């Protein structure tokens, strides 16, 4: 079984902790990455955490995950979730189990955030759990692919 989970974060997520903390909280991207690495390790995986503000770079990372036969992808595509058919197509193209994550409940926000192209390429979407959504996503991905938690 592949041992790497790609955790991909899109535009503006590098500003976590300082960008609109009343909406996104005070946790930083480093906090998210530490949470993901710790959670992945509980299932015997490593988390390869990457962030980019560039749509093309995110697509390249999705392709890399496919080429390296990663165990799966956890993605918070940020604003690209609502606009990027290209990210959707990359995810469906690599055929890896994918979980979409949003820190906030996008359905309780502006109407333009209610639709996600990424969600159509994922087997699950988590929204509104803050950064804990990443932990839930990794646990759900591990369960989906049949990985048991280590004691």
N, C-alpha and C. Protein backbone atom coordinates (compact mmCIF):
# COMPACT_ATOMS: atom_id res chain seq x y z
N UNK A 1 0.84 -1.19 0.00
CA UNK A 1 0.00 0.00 0.00
C UNK A 1 0.89 1.25 0.00
N UNK A 2 0.51 2.23 -0.81
CA UNK A 2 1.23 3.51 -0.84
C UNK A 2 1.22 4.13 0.55
N UNK A 3 2.27 4.82 0.87
CA UNK A 3 2.42 5.34 2.23
C UNK A 3 2.39 6.86 2.34
N UNK A 4 2.11 7.55 1.24
CA UNK A 4 2.11 9.01 1.27
C UNK A 4 0.73 9.56 0.96
N UNK A 5 0.31 10.51 1.77
CA UNK A 5 -0.92 11.26 1.52
C UNK A 5 -0.49 12.68 1.16
N UNK A 6 -0.91 13.15 0.01
CA UNK A 6 -0.64 14.53 -0.38
C UNK A 6 -1.70 15.42 0.26
N UNK A 7 -1.25 16.45 0.96
CA UNK A 7 -2.15 17.45 1.55
C UNK A 7 -1.85 18.76 0.82
N UNK A 8 -2.80 19.16 -0.02
CA UNK A 8 -2.60 20.32 -0.89
C UNK A 8 -3.48 21.48 -0.45
N UNK A 9 -2.85 22.63 -0.31
CA UNK A 9 -3.55 23.85 0.08
C UNK A 9 -3.38 24.90 -0.99
N UNK A 10 -4.48 25.54 -1.34
CA UNK A 10 -4.50 26.50 -2.42
C UNK A 10 -4.26 27.93 -1.99
N UNK A 11 -4.75 28.86 -2.82
CA UNK A 11 -4.42 30.27 -2.65
C UNK A 11 -4.87 30.84 -1.31
N UNK A 12 -3.99 31.67 -0.79
CA UNK A 12 -4.19 32.45 0.43
C UNK A 12 -4.12 31.62 1.71
N UNK A 13 -3.99 30.31 1.61
CA UNK A 13 -3.91 29.52 2.83
C UNK A 13 -2.55 29.69 3.53
N UNK A 14 -1.58 30.24 2.82
CA UNK A 14 -0.32 30.61 3.46
C UNK A 14 -0.52 31.76 4.46
N UNK A 15 -1.66 32.44 4.39
CA UNK A 15 -1.96 33.56 5.28
C UNK A 15 -2.76 33.15 6.51
N UNK A 16 -2.99 31.84 6.68
CA UNK A 16 -3.74 31.39 7.85
C UNK A 16 -3.10 31.93 9.13
N UNK A 17 -3.95 32.30 10.06
CA UNK A 17 -3.48 32.86 11.32
C UNK A 17 -3.49 34.37 11.33
N UNK A 18 -3.35 34.98 10.14
CA UNK A 18 -3.37 36.44 10.05
C UNK A 18 -4.49 36.94 9.15
N UNK A 19 -4.91 36.16 8.18
CA UNK A 19 -5.98 36.58 7.27
C UNK A 19 -7.34 36.31 7.91
N UNK A 20 -8.09 37.34 8.13
CA UNK A 20 -9.45 37.23 8.66
C UNK A 20 -9.55 36.18 9.78
N UNK A 21 -8.82 36.38 10.87
CA UNK A 21 -8.84 35.38 11.95
C UNK A 21 -10.23 35.15 12.53
N UNK A 22 -11.12 36.13 12.43
CA UNK A 22 -12.48 35.94 12.91
C UNK A 22 -13.24 34.92 12.06
N UNK A 23 -12.78 34.71 10.84
CA UNK A 23 -13.41 33.74 9.93
C UNK A 23 -12.63 32.43 9.90
N UNK A 24 -11.30 32.52 9.79
CA UNK A 24 -10.46 31.33 9.58
C UNK A 24 -9.73 30.87 10.82
N UNK A 25 -9.80 31.62 11.90
CA UNK A 25 -9.12 31.23 13.13
C UNK A 25 -7.69 31.73 13.19
N UNK A 26 -7.02 31.38 14.25
CA UNK A 26 -5.65 31.86 14.48
C UNK A 26 -4.59 30.81 14.16
N UNK A 27 -5.00 29.59 13.86
CA UNK A 27 -4.03 28.55 13.50
C UNK A 27 -3.34 28.92 12.20
N UNK A 28 -2.07 28.60 12.12
CA UNK A 28 -1.27 28.91 10.92
C UNK A 28 -1.19 27.68 10.01
N UNK A 29 -0.67 27.90 8.82
CA UNK A 29 -0.46 26.78 7.90
C UNK A 29 0.51 25.76 8.51
N UNK A 30 1.50 26.23 9.25
CA UNK A 30 2.42 25.30 9.94
C UNK A 30 1.67 24.43 10.93
N UNK A 31 0.68 25.02 11.62
CA UNK A 31 -0.15 24.25 12.54
C UNK A 31 -0.94 23.17 11.78
N UNK A 32 -1.49 23.55 10.64
CA UNK A 32 -2.23 22.59 9.81
C UNK A 32 -1.31 21.45 9.38
N UNK A 33 -0.12 21.80 8.92
CA UNK A 33 0.81 20.78 8.44
C UNK A 33 1.25 19.84 9.56
N UNK A 34 1.49 20.36 10.75
CA UNK A 34 1.85 19.51 11.90
C UNK A 34 0.70 18.57 12.24
N UNK A 35 -0.52 19.09 12.24
CA UNK A 35 -1.70 18.27 12.51
C UNK A 35 -1.81 17.15 11.48
N UNK A 36 -1.58 17.47 10.23
CA UNK A 36 -1.68 16.46 9.16
C UNK A 36 -0.59 15.40 9.28
N UNK A 37 0.61 15.82 9.57
CA UNK A 37 1.71 14.85 9.71
C UNK A 37 1.45 13.91 10.90
N UNK A 38 1.00 14.47 12.01
CA UNK A 38 0.72 13.65 13.19
C UNK A 38 -0.42 12.67 12.92
N UNK A 39 -1.48 13.15 12.28
CA UNK A 39 -2.63 12.29 12.00
C UNK A 39 -2.26 11.20 11.01
N UNK A 40 -1.55 11.55 9.96
CA UNK A 40 -1.13 10.55 8.97
C UNK A 40 -0.26 9.48 9.62
N UNK A 41 0.64 9.89 10.49
CA UNK A 41 1.54 8.94 11.16
C UNK A 41 0.77 7.93 12.00
N UNK A 42 -0.38 8.32 12.54
CA UNK A 42 -1.20 7.41 13.33
C UNK A 42 -1.70 6.23 12.50
N UNK A 43 -1.69 6.38 11.19
CA UNK A 43 -2.15 5.33 10.28
C UNK A 43 -0.98 4.71 9.49
N UNK A 44 0.24 5.10 9.84
CA UNK A 44 1.41 4.58 9.15
C UNK A 44 1.72 5.29 7.84
N UNK A 45 1.17 6.49 7.66
CA UNK A 45 1.41 7.27 6.45
C UNK A 45 2.31 8.46 6.75
N UNK A 46 2.86 9.04 5.70
CA UNK A 46 3.48 10.34 5.79
C UNK A 46 2.59 11.32 5.04
N UNK A 47 2.55 12.53 5.52
CA UNK A 47 1.80 13.59 4.85
C UNK A 47 2.79 14.49 4.13
N UNK A 48 2.63 14.60 2.82
CA UNK A 48 3.43 15.50 2.00
C UNK A 48 2.60 16.76 1.83
N UNK A 49 2.91 17.78 2.63
CA UNK A 49 2.09 19.00 2.68
C UNK A 49 2.68 20.06 1.76
N UNK A 50 1.83 20.58 0.88
CA UNK A 50 2.26 21.62 -0.06
C UNK A 50 1.20 22.70 -0.15
N UNK A 51 1.64 23.92 -0.42
CA UNK A 51 0.73 25.05 -0.62
C UNK A 51 1.19 25.83 -1.83
N UNK A 52 0.22 26.28 -2.63
CA UNK A 52 0.54 27.14 -3.75
C UNK A 52 -0.61 28.10 -4.01
N UNK A 53 -0.25 29.29 -4.43
CA UNK A 53 -1.24 30.27 -4.86
C UNK A 53 -1.51 30.15 -6.36
N UNK A 54 -0.83 29.23 -7.02
CA UNK A 54 -0.92 29.06 -8.46
C UNK A 54 -1.74 27.83 -8.82
N UNK A 55 -2.75 28.01 -9.65
CA UNK A 55 -3.59 26.90 -10.11
C UNK A 55 -2.75 25.86 -10.85
N UNK A 56 -1.87 26.30 -11.71
CA UNK A 56 -1.04 25.37 -12.47
C UNK A 56 -0.13 24.54 -11.59
N UNK A 57 0.43 25.15 -10.56
CA UNK A 57 1.29 24.40 -9.65
C UNK A 57 0.49 23.36 -8.87
N UNK A 58 -0.72 23.71 -8.45
CA UNK A 58 -1.57 22.73 -7.77
C UNK A 58 -1.87 21.54 -8.69
N UNK A 59 -2.13 21.82 -9.94
CA UNK A 59 -2.38 20.75 -10.92
C UNK A 59 -1.14 19.88 -11.07
N UNK A 60 0.03 20.50 -11.15
CA UNK A 60 1.28 19.73 -11.22
C UNK A 60 1.46 18.84 -9.99
N UNK A 61 1.10 19.33 -8.82
CA UNK A 61 1.21 18.53 -7.59
C UNK A 61 0.23 17.37 -7.60
N UNK A 62 -0.96 17.58 -8.12
CA UNK A 62 -1.93 16.49 -8.26
C UNK A 62 -1.38 15.43 -9.21
N UNK A 63 -0.81 15.87 -10.33
CA UNK A 63 -0.20 14.92 -11.27
C UNK A 63 0.96 14.16 -10.61
N UNK A 64 1.76 14.88 -9.82
CA UNK A 64 2.87 14.24 -9.10
C UNK A 64 2.34 13.16 -8.17
N UNK A 65 1.28 13.45 -7.45
CA UNK A 65 0.68 12.46 -6.55
C UNK A 65 0.27 11.23 -7.33
N UNK A 66 -0.30 11.43 -8.50
CA UNK A 66 -0.69 10.30 -9.34
C UNK A 66 0.51 9.51 -9.83
N UNK A 67 1.53 10.20 -10.31
CA UNK A 67 2.74 9.55 -10.80
C UNK A 67 3.43 8.74 -9.71
N UNK A 68 3.46 9.30 -8.51
CA UNK A 68 4.11 8.62 -7.38
C UNK A 68 3.19 7.63 -6.68
N UNK A 69 2.01 7.45 -7.22
CA UNK A 69 1.02 6.51 -6.68
C UNK A 69 0.80 6.73 -5.19
N UNK A 70 0.47 7.97 -4.85
CA UNK A 70 0.16 8.32 -3.46
C UNK A 70 -1.06 7.53 -3.00
N UNK A 71 -1.19 7.42 -1.70
CA UNK A 71 -2.35 6.73 -1.12
C UNK A 71 -3.63 7.53 -1.35
N UNK A 72 -3.50 8.84 -1.42
CA UNK A 72 -4.66 9.69 -1.64
C UNK A 72 -4.28 11.15 -1.51
N UNK A 73 -5.30 11.99 -1.65
CA UNK A 73 -5.12 13.44 -1.61
C UNK A 73 -6.15 14.05 -0.67
N UNK A 74 -5.69 14.96 0.17
CA UNK A 74 -6.56 15.85 0.93
C UNK A 74 -6.29 17.23 0.36
N UNK A 75 -7.35 17.91 -0.10
CA UNK A 75 -7.15 19.19 -0.76
C UNK A 75 -8.11 20.26 -0.25
N UNK A 76 -7.53 21.40 0.05
CA UNK A 76 -8.28 22.63 0.28
C UNK A 76 -7.83 23.55 -0.84
N UNK A 77 -8.59 23.58 -1.90
CA UNK A 77 -8.21 24.37 -3.07
C UNK A 77 -8.56 25.84 -2.91
N UNK A 78 -9.04 26.24 -1.73
CA UNK A 78 -9.38 27.64 -1.51
C UNK A 78 -10.36 28.12 -2.56
N UNK A 79 -10.16 29.32 -3.04
CA UNK A 79 -11.05 29.91 -4.04
C UNK A 79 -11.13 29.11 -5.33
N UNK A 80 -10.10 28.33 -5.64
CA UNK A 80 -10.15 27.51 -6.86
C UNK A 80 -11.21 26.42 -6.78
N UNK A 81 -11.64 26.08 -5.57
CA UNK A 81 -12.70 25.08 -5.43
C UNK A 81 -13.93 25.47 -6.24
N UNK A 82 -14.20 26.76 -6.27
CA UNK A 82 -15.43 27.28 -6.85
C UNK A 82 -15.28 27.67 -8.31
N UNK A 83 -14.06 27.60 -8.83
CA UNK A 83 -13.83 28.12 -10.19
C UNK A 83 -13.07 27.18 -11.11
N UNK A 84 -12.36 26.21 -10.57
CA UNK A 84 -11.38 25.49 -11.38
C UNK A 84 -11.86 24.13 -11.88
N UNK A 85 -12.28 24.12 -13.13
CA UNK A 85 -12.57 22.86 -13.81
C UNK A 85 -11.26 22.11 -14.03
N UNK A 86 -10.16 22.84 -14.21
CA UNK A 86 -8.86 22.21 -14.45
C UNK A 86 -8.40 21.39 -13.25
N UNK A 87 -8.62 21.89 -12.03
CA UNK A 87 -8.26 21.11 -10.84
C UNK A 87 -9.17 19.89 -10.74
N UNK A 88 -10.44 20.07 -11.00
CA UNK A 88 -11.38 18.92 -11.05
C UNK A 88 -10.86 17.87 -12.01
N UNK A 89 -10.50 18.29 -13.22
CA UNK A 89 -10.05 17.35 -14.25
C UNK A 89 -8.75 16.65 -13.84
N UNK A 90 -7.85 17.37 -13.18
CA UNK A 90 -6.60 16.75 -12.71
C UNK A 90 -6.91 15.68 -11.67
N UNK A 91 -7.80 15.99 -10.74
CA UNK A 91 -8.15 15.01 -9.70
C UNK A 91 -8.82 13.78 -10.30
N UNK A 92 -9.74 13.96 -11.21
CA UNK A 92 -10.38 12.79 -11.83
C UNK A 92 -9.40 12.04 -12.71
N UNK A 93 -8.43 12.74 -13.26
CA UNK A 93 -7.43 12.11 -14.13
C UNK A 93 -6.48 11.18 -13.40
N UNK A 94 -6.12 11.53 -12.17
CA UNK A 94 -5.16 10.68 -11.44
C UNK A 94 -5.84 9.53 -10.71
N UNK A 95 -7.15 9.61 -10.55
CA UNK A 95 -7.92 8.51 -9.96
C UNK A 95 -7.43 8.09 -8.57
N UNK A 96 -7.06 9.07 -7.75
CA UNK A 96 -6.69 8.79 -6.37
C UNK A 96 -7.84 9.18 -5.46
N UNK A 97 -8.07 8.43 -4.38
CA UNK A 97 -9.11 8.83 -3.45
C UNK A 97 -8.79 10.22 -2.88
N UNK A 98 -9.79 11.09 -2.93
CA UNK A 98 -9.59 12.49 -2.57
C UNK A 98 -10.67 12.95 -1.60
N UNK A 99 -10.24 13.75 -0.61
CA UNK A 99 -11.15 14.41 0.31
C UNK A 99 -10.93 15.91 0.17
N UNK A 100 -12.02 16.63 -0.01
CA UNK A 100 -11.99 18.10 -0.06
C UNK A 100 -12.22 18.63 1.36
N UNK A 101 -11.45 19.65 1.73
CA UNK A 101 -11.56 20.27 3.04
C UNK A 101 -11.76 21.78 2.88
N UNK A 102 -12.64 22.33 3.69
CA UNK A 102 -12.78 23.78 3.84
C UNK A 102 -12.80 24.08 5.33
N UNK A 103 -12.04 25.06 5.74
CA UNK A 103 -11.96 25.43 7.15
C UNK A 103 -13.30 25.97 7.65
N UNK A 104 -13.95 26.78 6.82
CA UNK A 104 -15.24 27.36 7.19
C UNK A 104 -16.37 26.56 6.54
N UNK A 105 -17.57 26.80 7.02
CA UNK A 105 -18.75 26.21 6.37
C UNK A 105 -19.09 27.07 5.17
N UNK A 106 -18.62 26.66 4.00
CA UNK A 106 -18.80 27.46 2.79
C UNK A 106 -20.28 27.64 2.44
N UNK A 107 -21.13 26.75 2.89
CA UNK A 107 -22.57 26.84 2.58
C UNK A 107 -23.28 27.88 3.43
N UNK A 108 -22.64 28.35 4.47
CA UNK A 108 -23.20 29.41 5.31
C UNK A 108 -22.62 30.77 4.93
N UNK A 109 -21.86 30.80 3.85
CA UNK A 109 -21.19 32.03 3.43
C UNK A 109 -21.79 32.55 2.12
N UNK A 110 -21.05 33.34 1.40
CA UNK A 110 -21.53 33.96 0.17
C UNK A 110 -21.98 32.90 -0.83
N UNK A 111 -23.02 33.21 -1.60
CA UNK A 111 -23.55 32.23 -2.56
C UNK A 111 -22.51 31.67 -3.54
N UNK A 112 -21.53 32.47 -3.95
CA UNK A 112 -20.54 31.97 -4.91
C UNK A 112 -19.69 30.85 -4.32
N UNK A 113 -19.67 30.69 -3.01
CA UNK A 113 -18.90 29.62 -2.38
C UNK A 113 -19.69 28.32 -2.25
N UNK A 114 -20.93 28.32 -2.61
CA UNK A 114 -21.79 27.14 -2.41
C UNK A 114 -21.56 26.04 -3.43
N UNK A 115 -20.90 26.34 -4.53
CA UNK A 115 -20.62 25.33 -5.55
C UNK A 115 -19.13 25.02 -5.55
N UNK A 116 -18.80 23.74 -5.68
CA UNK A 116 -17.40 23.32 -5.75
C UNK A 116 -17.20 22.33 -6.87
N UNK A 117 -16.31 22.69 -7.80
CA UNK A 117 -15.91 21.74 -8.84
C UNK A 117 -15.07 20.61 -8.24
N UNK A 118 -14.29 20.93 -7.21
CA UNK A 118 -13.44 19.93 -6.55
C UNK A 118 -14.30 18.85 -5.90
N UNK A 119 -15.42 19.22 -5.31
CA UNK A 119 -16.29 18.25 -4.62
C UNK A 119 -16.73 17.13 -5.55
N UNK A 120 -16.93 17.43 -6.81
CA UNK A 120 -17.37 16.41 -7.76
C UNK A 120 -16.27 15.38 -8.04
N UNK A 121 -15.02 15.70 -7.71
CA UNK A 121 -13.91 14.77 -7.92
C UNK A 121 -13.48 14.08 -6.63
N UNK A 122 -14.13 14.41 -5.53
CA UNK A 122 -13.76 13.86 -4.22
C UNK A 122 -14.82 12.87 -3.75
N UNK A 123 -14.43 11.93 -2.91
CA UNK A 123 -15.42 11.01 -2.36
C UNK A 123 -16.08 11.60 -1.12
N UNK A 124 -15.48 12.68 -0.56
CA UNK A 124 -16.07 13.33 0.61
C UNK A 124 -15.62 14.78 0.67
N UNK A 125 -16.44 15.59 1.32
CA UNK A 125 -16.12 17.00 1.57
C UNK A 125 -16.39 17.29 3.04
N UNK A 126 -15.44 17.96 3.67
CA UNK A 126 -15.60 18.41 5.06
C UNK A 126 -15.52 19.92 5.07
N UNK A 127 -16.49 20.56 5.73
CA UNK A 127 -16.50 22.01 5.80
C UNK A 127 -17.01 22.46 7.16
N UNK A 128 -16.33 23.46 7.71
CA UNK A 128 -16.81 24.08 8.92
C UNK A 128 -16.22 23.57 10.21
N UNK A 129 -15.27 22.65 10.15
CA UNK A 129 -14.66 22.10 11.35
C UNK A 129 -13.36 22.81 11.73
N UNK A 130 -13.06 23.94 11.10
CA UNK A 130 -11.78 24.60 11.34
C UNK A 130 -10.67 23.71 10.81
N UNK A 131 -9.48 23.87 11.39
CA UNK A 131 -8.38 23.04 10.89
C UNK A 131 -8.55 21.57 11.28
N UNK A 132 -9.42 21.28 12.23
CA UNK A 132 -9.67 19.89 12.60
C UNK A 132 -10.26 19.10 11.43
N UNK A 133 -10.80 19.80 10.44
CA UNK A 133 -11.30 19.13 9.24
C UNK A 133 -10.21 18.33 8.53
N UNK A 134 -8.97 18.79 8.62
CA UNK A 134 -7.86 18.05 8.00
C UNK A 134 -7.65 16.71 8.71
N UNK A 135 -7.73 16.72 10.03
CA UNK A 135 -7.59 15.48 10.80
C UNK A 135 -8.71 14.51 10.41
N UNK A 136 -9.93 15.03 10.37
CA UNK A 136 -11.06 14.20 9.99
C UNK A 136 -10.90 13.66 8.57
N UNK A 137 -10.39 14.49 7.68
CA UNK A 137 -10.19 14.07 6.29
C UNK A 137 -9.17 12.95 6.18
N UNK A 138 -8.07 13.06 6.90
CA UNK A 138 -7.04 12.01 6.85
C UNK A 138 -7.57 10.73 7.48
N UNK A 139 -8.28 10.84 8.59
CA UNK A 139 -8.87 9.65 9.20
C UNK A 139 -9.87 9.00 8.24
N UNK A 140 -10.70 9.80 7.59
CA UNK A 140 -11.67 9.26 6.63
C UNK A 140 -11.01 8.64 5.42
N UNK A 141 -9.94 9.27 4.93
CA UNK A 141 -9.20 8.72 3.80
C UNK A 141 -8.57 7.38 4.19
N UNK A 142 -7.97 7.34 5.36
CA UNK A 142 -7.35 6.08 5.82
C UNK A 142 -8.40 4.97 5.93
N UNK A 143 -9.57 5.31 6.46
CA UNK A 143 -10.65 4.31 6.57
C UNK A 143 -11.10 3.85 5.18
N UNK A 144 -11.19 4.79 4.26
CA UNK A 144 -11.64 4.46 2.90
C UNK A 144 -10.71 3.48 2.21
N UNK A 145 -9.41 3.65 2.44
CA UNK A 145 -8.44 2.78 1.77
C UNK A 145 -8.05 1.58 2.62
N UNK A 146 -8.69 1.44 3.78
CA UNK A 146 -8.51 0.24 4.58
C UNK A 146 -7.29 0.24 5.48
N UNK A 147 -6.79 1.41 5.85
CA UNK A 147 -5.64 1.49 6.74
C UNK A 147 -6.13 1.54 8.19
N UNK A 148 -5.61 0.69 9.02
CA UNK A 148 -5.98 0.68 10.44
C UNK A 148 -5.08 1.62 11.21
N UNK A 149 -5.65 2.28 12.18
CA UNK A 149 -4.85 3.17 13.03
C UNK A 149 -3.90 2.34 13.87
N UNK A 150 -2.71 2.86 14.08
CA UNK A 150 -1.72 2.20 14.95
C UNK A 150 -2.07 2.54 16.39
N UNK A 151 -1.80 1.61 17.28
CA UNK A 151 -2.09 1.88 18.69
C UNK A 151 -0.87 2.43 19.38
